[in-house]
PDB file of N, CA and C in Angstrom:
ATOM      1  N   MET A   1     183.410 124.407  97.591  1.00  0.00           N
ATOM      2  CA  MET A   1     183.037 123.806  96.332  1.00  0.00           C
ATOM      3  C   MET A   1     181.839 122.876  96.510  1.00  0.00           C
ATOM      4  N   SER A   2     181.657 122.309  97.688  1.00  0.00           N
ATOM      5  CA  SER A   2     180.554 121.373  97.888  1.00  0.00           C
ATOM      6  C   SER A   2     179.197 122.054  97.706  1.00  0.00           C
ATOM      7  N   ASN A   3     179.067 123.311  98.146  1.00  0.00           N
ATOM      8  CA  ASN A   3     177.806 124.038  97.933  1.00  0.00           C
ATOM      9  C   ASN A   3     177.543 124.247  96.446  1.00  0.00           C
ATOM     10  N   TYR A   4     178.591 124.541  95.704  1.00  0.00           N
ATOM     11  CA  TYR A   4     178.459 124.732  94.264  1.00  0.00           C
ATOM     12  C   TYR A   4     177.998 123.434  93.602  1.00  0.00           C
ATOM     13  N   ILE A   5     178.643 122.333  93.952  1.00  0.00           N
ATOM     14  CA  ILE A   5     178.285 121.043  93.359  1.00  0.00           C
ATOM     15  C   ILE A   5     176.840 120.684  93.696  1.00  0.00           C
ATOM     16  N   ARG A   6     176.426 120.901  94.932  1.00  0.00           N
ATOM     17  CA  ARG A   6     175.035 120.620  95.305  1.00  0.00           C
ATOM     18  C   ARG A   6     174.066 121.471  94.482  1.00  0.00           C
ATOM     19  N   ALA A   7     174.398 122.748  94.302  1.00  0.00           N
ATOM     20  CA  ALA A   7     173.532 123.642  93.522  1.00  0.00           C
ATOM     21  C   ALA A   7     173.434 123.187  92.073  1.00  0.00           C
ATOM     22  N   VAL A   8     174.556 122.803  91.495  1.00  0.00           N
ATOM     23  CA  VAL A   8     174.549 122.336  90.107  1.00  0.00           C
ATOM     24  C   VAL A   8     173.783 121.021  90.003  1.00  0.00           C
ATOM     25  N   MET A   9     174.022 120.111  90.927  1.00  0.00           N
ATOM     26  CA  MET A   9     173.365 118.805  90.874  1.00  0.00           C
ATOM     27  C   MET A   9     171.850 118.918  91.039  1.00  0.00           C
ATOM     28  N   SER A  10     171.383 119.970  91.669  1.00  0.00           N
ATOM     29  CA  SER A  10     169.934 120.144  91.802  1.00  0.00           C
ATOM     30  C   SER A  10     169.283 120.400  90.444  1.00  0.00           C
ATOM     31  N   ARG A  11     170.084 120.726  89.443  1.00  0.00           N
ATOM     32  CA  ARG A  11     169.590 120.975  88.085  1.00  0.00           C
ATOM     33  C   ARG A  11     169.686 119.736  87.192  1.00  0.00           C
ATOM     34  N   ALA A  12     170.263 118.669  87.708  1.00  0.00           N
ATOM     35  CA  ALA A  12     170.465 117.457  86.913  1.00  0.00           C
ATOM     36  C   ALA A  12     169.131 116.842  86.506  1.00  0.00           C
ATOM     37  N   THR A  13     169.134 116.255  85.327  1.00  0.00           N
ATOM     38  CA  THR A  13     167.960 115.530  84.846  1.00  0.00           C
ATOM     39  C   THR A  13     168.358 114.083  84.591  1.00  0.00           C
ATOM     40  N   TYR A  14     167.421 113.192  84.807  1.00  0.00           N
ATOM     41  CA  TYR A  14     167.680 111.760  84.658  1.00  0.00           C
ATOM     42  C   TYR A  14     166.605 111.142  83.775  1.00  0.00           C
ATOM     43  N   THR A  15     167.035 110.200  82.941  1.00  0.00           N
ATOM     44  CA  THR A  15     166.128 109.518  82.034  1.00  0.00           C
ATOM     45  C   THR A  15     166.385 108.021  82.119  1.00  0.00           C
ATOM     46  N   ALA A  16     165.317 107.251  82.191  1.00  0.00           N
ATOM     47  CA  ALA A  16     165.448 105.794  82.162  1.00  0.00           C
ATOM     48  C   ALA A  16     165.573 105.357  80.708  1.00  0.00           C
ATOM     49  N   ALA A  17     166.615 104.605  80.416  1.00  0.00           N
ATOM     50  CA  ALA A  17     166.849 104.122  79.058  1.00  0.00           C
ATOM     51  C   ALA A  17     166.113 102.799  78.840  1.00  0.00           C
ATOM     52  N   ALA A  18     165.922 102.438  77.586  1.00  0.00           N
ATOM     53  CA  ALA A  18     165.212 101.207  77.239  1.00  0.00           C
ATOM     54  C   ALA A  18     165.910  99.967  77.784  1.00  0.00           C
ATOM     55  N   ASP A  19     167.230 100.045  77.937  1.00  0.00           N
ATOM     56  CA  ASP A  19     167.981  98.888  78.435  1.00  0.00           C
ATOM     57  C   ASP A  19     167.964  98.784  79.960  1.00  0.00           C
ATOM     58  N   GLY A  20     167.232  99.681  80.624  1.00  0.00           N
ATOM     59  CA  GLY A  20     167.126  99.648  82.076  1.00  0.00           C
ATOM     60  C   GLY A  20     168.135 100.519  82.794  1.00  0.00           C
ATOM     61  N   SER A  21     169.076 101.076  82.066  1.00  0.00           N
ATOM     62  CA  SER A  21     170.067 101.951  82.694  1.00  0.00           C
ATOM     63  C   SER A  21     169.473 103.348  82.883  1.00  0.00           C
ATOM     64  N   THR A  22     170.189 104.173  83.615  1.00  0.00           N
ATOM     65  CA  THR A  22     169.769 105.550  83.856  1.00  0.00           C
ATOM     66  C   THR A  22     170.799 106.487  83.251  1.00  0.00           C
ATOM     67  N   TYR A  23     170.317 107.483  82.517  1.00  0.00           N
ATOM     68  CA  TYR A  23     171.180 108.498  81.917  1.00  0.00           C
ATOM     69  C   TYR A  23     170.932 109.809  82.643  1.00  0.00           C
ATOM     70  N   GLY A  24     172.005 110.480  83.040  1.00  0.00           N
ATOM     71  CA  GLY A  24     171.886 111.768  83.708  1.00  0.00           C
ATOM     72  C   GLY A  24     172.734 112.819  83.024  1.00  0.00           C
ATOM     73  N   GLU A  25     172.247 114.053  83.044  1.00  0.00           N
ATOM     74  CA  GLU A  25     173.003 115.166  82.483  1.00  0.00           C
ATOM     75  C   GLU A  25     172.626 116.436  83.227  1.00  0.00           C
ATOM     76  N   ILE A  26     173.434 117.462  83.040  1.00  0.00           N
ATOM     77  CA  ILE A  26     173.182 118.746  83.678  1.00  0.00           C
ATOM     78  C   ILE A  26     173.051 119.786  82.573  1.00  0.00           C
ATOM     79  N   PRO A  27     171.846 120.298  82.362  1.00  0.00           N
ATOM     80  CA  PRO A  27     171.649 121.304  81.318  1.00  0.00           C
ATOM     81  C   PRO A  27     172.578 122.503  81.520  1.00  0.00           C
ATOM     82  N   GLY A  28     173.204 122.925  80.413  1.00  0.00           N
ATOM     83  CA  GLY A  28     174.105 124.067  80.463  1.00  0.00           C
ATOM     84  C   GLY A  28     175.546 123.704  80.764  1.00  0.00           C
ATOM     85  N   PHE A  29     175.800 122.433  81.070  1.00  0.00           N
ATOM     86  CA  PHE A  29     177.155 121.965  81.350  1.00  0.00           C
ATOM     87  C   PHE A  29     177.508 120.920  80.294  1.00  0.00           C
ATOM     88  N   GLU A  30     178.048 121.420  79.190  1.00  0.00           N
ATOM     89  CA  GLU A  30     178.341 120.577  78.041  1.00  0.00           C
ATOM     90  C   GLU A  30     179.263 119.414  78.411  1.00  0.00           C
ATOM     91  N   LYS A  31     178.884 118.244  77.978  1.00  0.00           N
ATOM     92  CA  LYS A  31     179.641 116.998  78.161  1.00  0.00           C
ATOM     93  C   LYS A  31     179.677 116.507  79.604  1.00  0.00           C
ATOM     94  N   VAL A  32     178.850 117.052  80.477  1.00  0.00           N
ATOM     95  CA  VAL A  32     178.750 116.538  81.845  1.00  0.00           C
ATOM     96  C   VAL A  32     177.540 115.612  81.862  1.00  0.00           C
ATOM     97  N   SER A  33     177.828 114.308  81.776  1.00  0.00           N
ATOM     98  CA  SER A  33     176.755 113.319  81.731  1.00  0.00           C
ATOM     99  C   SER A  33     177.270 112.000  82.282  1.00  0.00           C
ATOM    100  N   ALA A  34     176.329 111.097  82.534  1.00  0.00           N
ATOM    101  CA  ALA A  34     176.693 109.779  83.050  1.00  0.00           C
ATOM    102  C   ALA A  34     175.594 108.792  82.686  1.00  0.00           C
ATOM    103  N   ARG A  35     175.969 107.528  82.600  1.00  0.00           N
ATOM    104  CA  ARG A  35     175.019 106.438  82.391  1.00  0.00           C
ATOM    105  C   ARG A  35     175.440 105.312  83.324  1.00  0.00           C
ATOM    106  N   ALA A  36     174.463 104.747  84.034  1.00  0.00           N
ATOM    107  CA  ALA A  36     174.768 103.675  84.981  1.00  0.00           C
ATOM    108  C   ALA A  36     173.555 102.764  85.135  1.00  0.00           C
ATOM    109  N   ASP A  37     173.781 101.633  85.788  1.00  0.00           N
ATOM    110  CA  ASP A  37     172.711 100.654  85.982  1.00  0.00           C
ATOM    111  C   ASP A  37     171.643 101.132  86.954  1.00  0.00           C
ATOM    112  N   THR A  38     172.024 101.974  87.915  1.00  0.00           N
ATOM    113  CA  THR A  38     171.061 102.453  88.908  1.00  0.00           C
ATOM    114  C   THR A  38     171.092 103.976  88.971  1.00  0.00           C
ATOM    115  N   LEU A  39     170.012 104.550  89.481  1.00  0.00           N
ATOM    116  CA  LEU A  39     169.951 106.002  89.648  1.00  0.00           C
ATOM    117  C   LEU A  39     171.025 106.470  90.622  1.00  0.00           C
ATOM    118  N   GLU A  40     171.215 105.735  91.702  1.00  0.00           N
ATOM    119  CA  GLU A  40     172.231 106.113  92.694  1.00  0.00           C
ATOM    120  C   GLU A  40     173.627 106.140  92.077  1.00  0.00           C
ATOM    121  N   GLN A  41     173.958 105.118  91.294  1.00  0.00           N
ATOM    122  CA  GLN A  41     175.279 105.078  90.657  1.00  0.00           C
ATOM    123  C   GLN A  41     175.397 106.175  89.605  1.00  0.00           C
ATOM    124  N   CYS A  42     174.314 106.457  88.907  1.00  0.00           N
ATOM    125  CA  CYS A  42     174.320 107.527  87.906  1.00  0.00           C
ATOM    126  C   CYS A  42     174.596 108.868  88.573  1.00  0.00           C
ATOM    127  N   ARG A  43     173.953 109.130  89.702  1.00  0.00           N
ATOM    128  CA  ARG A  43     174.207 110.381  90.437  1.00  0.00           C
ATOM    129  C   ARG A  43     175.668 110.479  90.850  1.00  0.00           C
ATOM    130  N   HIS A  44     176.194 109.388  91.375  1.00  0.00           N
ATOM    131  CA  HIS A  44     177.600 109.359  91.799  1.00  0.00           C
ATOM    132  C   HIS A  44     178.519 109.665  90.614  1.00  0.00           C
ATOM    133  N   ASP A  45     178.280 108.991  89.506  1.00  0.00           N
ATOM    134  CA  ASP A  45     179.110 109.190  88.319  1.00  0.00           C
ATOM    135  C   ASP A  45     178.958 110.604  87.758  1.00  0.00           C
ATOM    136  N   LEU A  46     177.759 111.163  87.871  1.00  0.00           N
ATOM    137  CA  LEU A  46     177.522 112.519  87.385  1.00  0.00           C
ATOM    138  C   LEU A  46     178.288 113.542  88.221  1.00  0.00           C
ATOM    139  N   VAL A  47     178.343 113.339  89.524  1.00  0.00           N
ATOM    140  CA  VAL A  47     179.145 114.222  90.389  1.00  0.00           C
ATOM    141  C   VAL A  47     180.613 114.144  89.982  1.00  0.00           C
ATOM    142  N   GLU A  48     181.116 112.936  89.738  1.00  0.00           N
ATOM    143  CA  GLU A  48     182.514 112.786  89.310  1.00  0.00           C
ATOM    144  C   GLU A  48     182.761 113.498  87.986  1.00  0.00           C
ATOM    145  N   SER A  49     181.834 113.362  87.060  1.00  0.00           N
ATOM    146  CA  SER A  49     181.959 114.034  85.769  1.00  0.00           C
ATOM    147  C   SER A  49     181.965 115.550  85.945  1.00  0.00           C
ATOM    148  N   LEU A  50     181.107 116.050  86.817  1.00  0.00           N
ATOM    149  CA  LEU A  50     181.059 117.488  87.104  1.00  0.00           C
ATOM    150  C   LEU A  50     182.365 117.965  87.729  1.00  0.00           C
ATOM    151  N   GLU A  51     182.892 117.217  88.684  1.00  0.00           N
ATOM    152  CA  GLU A  51     184.158 117.598  89.323  1.00  0.00           C
ATOM    153  C   GLU A  51     185.285 117.670  88.296  1.00  0.00           C
ATOM    154  N   GLU A  52     185.340 116.690  87.383  1.00  0.00           N
ATOM    155  CA  GLU A  52     186.364 116.697  86.332  1.00  0.00           C
ATOM    156  C   GLU A  52     186.177 117.900  85.407  1.00  0.00           C
ATOM    157  N   TRP A  53     184.924 118.223  85.082  1.00  0.00           N
ATOM    158  CA  TRP A  53     184.626 119.366  84.221  1.00  0.00           C
ATOM    159  C   TRP A  53     185.095 120.659  84.881  1.00  0.00           C
ATOM    160  N   ILE A  54     184.789 120.815  86.169  1.00  0.00           N
ATOM    161  CA  ILE A  54     185.204 122.016  86.908  1.00  0.00           C
ATOM    162  C   ILE A  54     186.725 122.126  86.907  1.00  0.00           C
ATOM    163  N   PHE A  55     187.414 121.048  87.238  1.00  0.00           N
ATOM    164  CA  PHE A  55     188.876 121.057  87.277  1.00  0.00           C
ATOM    165  C   PHE A  55     189.451 121.438  85.914  1.00  0.00           C
ATOM    166  N   SER A  56     188.899 120.856  84.861  1.00  0.00           N
ATOM    167  CA  SER A  56     189.371 121.151  83.508  1.00  0.00           C
ATOM    168  C   SER A  56     189.186 122.625  83.165  1.00  0.00           C
ATOM    169  N   ARG A  57     188.024 123.175  83.498  1.00  0.00           N
ATOM    170  CA  ARG A  57     187.752 124.581  83.195  1.00  0.00           C
ATOM    171  C   ARG A  57     188.677 125.505  83.983  1.00  0.00           C
ATOM    172  N   VAL A  58     188.841 125.223  85.257  1.00  0.00           N
ATOM    173  CA  VAL A  58     189.654 126.091  86.115  1.00  0.00           C
ATOM    174  C   VAL A  58     191.119 126.044  85.699  1.00  0.00           C
ATOM    175  N   THR A  59     191.648 124.853  85.430  1.00  0.00           N
ATOM    176  CA  THR A  59     193.064 124.751  85.071  1.00  0.00           C
ATOM    177  C   THR A  59     193.366 125.400  83.727  1.00  0.00           C
ATOM    178  N   ARG A  60     192.375 125.471  82.853  1.00  0.00           N
ATOM    179  CA  ARG A  60     192.567 126.133  81.561  1.00  0.00           C
ATOM    180  C   ARG A  60     192.116 127.587  81.602  1.00  0.00           C
ATOM    181  N   GLN A  61     191.775 128.063  82.794  1.00  0.00           N
ATOM    182  CA  GLN A  61     191.340 129.444  83.019  1.00  0.00           C
ATOM    183  C   GLN A  61     190.124 129.810  82.170  1.00  0.00           C
ATOM    184  N   LEU A  62     189.202 128.857  82.042  1.00  0.00           N
ATOM    185  CA  LEU A  62     187.946 129.093  81.340  1.00  0.00           C
ATOM    186  C   LEU A  62     186.868 129.418  82.366  1.00  0.00           C
ATOM    187  N   PRO A  63     185.859 130.165  81.977  1.00  0.00           N
ATOM    188  CA  PRO A  63     184.830 130.543  82.949  1.00  0.00           C
ATOM    189  C   PRO A  63     184.017 129.351  83.444  1.00  0.00           C
ATOM    190  N   VAL A  64     183.635 129.431  84.698  1.00  0.00           N
ATOM    191  CA  VAL A  64     182.731 128.471  85.322  1.00  0.00           C
ATOM    192  C   VAL A  64     181.501 129.276  85.716  1.00  0.00           C
ATOM    193  N   PRO A  65     180.311 128.852  85.282  1.00  0.00           N
ATOM    194  CA  PRO A  65     179.127 129.675  85.537  1.00  0.00           C
ATOM    195  C   PRO A  65     178.812 129.848  87.024  1.00  0.00           C
ATOM    196  N   ILE A  66     178.270 131.003  87.353  1.00  0.00           N
ATOM    197  CA  ILE A  66     177.774 131.257  88.705  1.00  0.00           C
ATOM    198  C   ILE A  66     176.410 130.581  88.802  1.00  0.00           C
ATOM    199  N   ILE A  67     176.223 129.758  89.821  1.00  0.00           N
ATOM    200  CA  ILE A  67     174.974 129.020  90.008  1.00  0.00           C
ATOM    201  C   ILE A  67     174.364 129.406  91.346  1.00  0.00           C
ATOM    202  N   ASP A  68     173.125 129.839  91.315  1.00  0.00           N
ATOM    203  CA  ASP A  68     172.406 130.246  92.533  1.00  0.00           C
ATOM    204  C   ASP A  68     173.222 131.227  93.375  1.00  0.00           C
ATOM    205  N   GLY A  69     173.940 132.124  92.702  1.00  0.00           N
ATOM    206  CA  GLY A  69     174.744 133.124  93.400  1.00  0.00           C
ATOM    207  C   GLY A  69     176.072 132.602  93.921  1.00  0.00           C
ATOM    208  N   ILE A  70     176.386 131.347  93.629  1.00  0.00           N
ATOM    209  CA  ILE A  70     177.637 130.743  94.113  1.00  0.00           C
ATOM    210  C   ILE A  70     178.676 130.807  93.005  1.00  0.00           C
ATOM    211  N   GLN A  71     179.795 131.444  93.307  1.00  0.00           N
ATOM    212  CA  GLN A  71     180.902 131.546  92.362  1.00  0.00           C
ATOM    213  C   GLN A  71     182.093 130.812  92.954  1.00  0.00           C
ATOM    214  N   LEU A  72     182.724 129.982  92.152  1.00  0.00           N
ATOM    215  CA  LEU A  72     183.886 129.247  92.651  1.00  0.00           C
ATOM    216  C   LEU A  72     185.084 130.167  92.800  1.00  0.00           C
ATOM    217  N   PRO A  73     185.775 130.085  93.920  1.00  0.00           N
ATOM    218  CA  PRO A  73     187.010 130.863  94.105  1.00  0.00           C
ATOM    219  C   PRO A  73     188.150 130.150  93.386  1.00  0.00           C
ATOM    220  N   THR A  74     188.471 130.574  92.190  1.00  0.00           N
ATOM    221  CA  THR A  74     189.429 129.851  91.362  1.00  0.00           C
ATOM    222  C   THR A  74     190.818 129.784  91.968  1.00  0.00           C
ATOM    223  N   LYS A  75     191.241 130.748  92.766  1.00  0.00           N
ATOM    224  CA  LYS A  75     192.573 130.690  93.373  1.00  0.00           C
ATOM    225  C   LYS A  75     192.699 129.499  94.317  1.00  0.00           C
ATOM    226  N   GLU A  76     191.624 129.166  95.036  1.00  0.00           N
ATOM    227  CA  GLU A  76     191.658 128.029  95.951  1.00  0.00           C
ATOM    228  C   GLU A  76     191.684 126.707  95.213  1.00  0.00           C
ATOM    229  N   MET A  77     191.135 126.682  94.002  1.00  0.00           N
ATOM    230  CA  MET A  77     191.048 125.447  93.240  1.00  0.00           C
ATOM    231  C   MET A  77     192.408 125.027  92.705  1.00  0.00           C
ATOM    232  N   MET A  78     193.298 125.971  92.438  1.00  0.00           N
ATOM    233  CA  MET A  78     194.548 125.657  91.758  1.00  0.00           C
ATOM    234  C   MET A  78     195.682 125.475  92.701  1.00  0.00           C
TER     235      MET A  78
END
């Protein structure tokens, strides 16, 4: 799963907000986003959000997109 997360995170985009915080999201992964005081914390929070999204999709037997040829083995996740 770590290779998958790295591949997905390489697609993340970050924006500096007017209040000085950083907002991050991953295009194509609905509701996977984070906002934090620093870019480093935003990345960390975004990984956590992605992990929760993956777990939610797998446990509900919903599709998880193949990224850079990497497909999650759903049997190992559950």
